[in-house]
Amino acid sequence: QVQPVESGGGLVQAGDSLELSCAASGSTFNLYAVGWFRQAPGKEREFVCAISWSGAGTHYDDSVKGRFTVSRDNAKSTAYLQMNNLKPEDTAVYFCGLSRTQTQIMSLATRETAYGFWGQGTLVTVSS
């Protein structure tokens, strides 16, 4: 099994940038698609973006399109979420999930149920 661990969260000001990491134990990270989700206080967890196992396919929620970029380095068993031009509404706990889905069409992998392994999350707070 693989176990993802998120890191990189923190307190930033609106307009700042932050990069989150999702590091996975085990040698099979390259078999898994990675999804980033977030949960704001008092709200349900929502999809942010996802990247296929090969990195060839990505998909973003409209709320982050053009500001966030997802990438991965399979040699390091790590996925990244580069967040630019952060807004107060981006404040949330960010989670990465791993999915065995083989699709490159990541718009098909926006549901939480597609992901079988989750990290504990990392808190991102954006002040205005």
Foldseek 3Di string as FASTA:
>chain_A
DKAWAKDWADEEAAQAKTKMKIAIDDLCLLQWKKWKWWDDPPGDIFTAKIAASNRQAIDGDPVQPPFWDWGDDSVRRMIMIIGGRDDQVVWTWMKMFIANDHDSHCVVVGDPVRGDHIHPTDTHGYHD
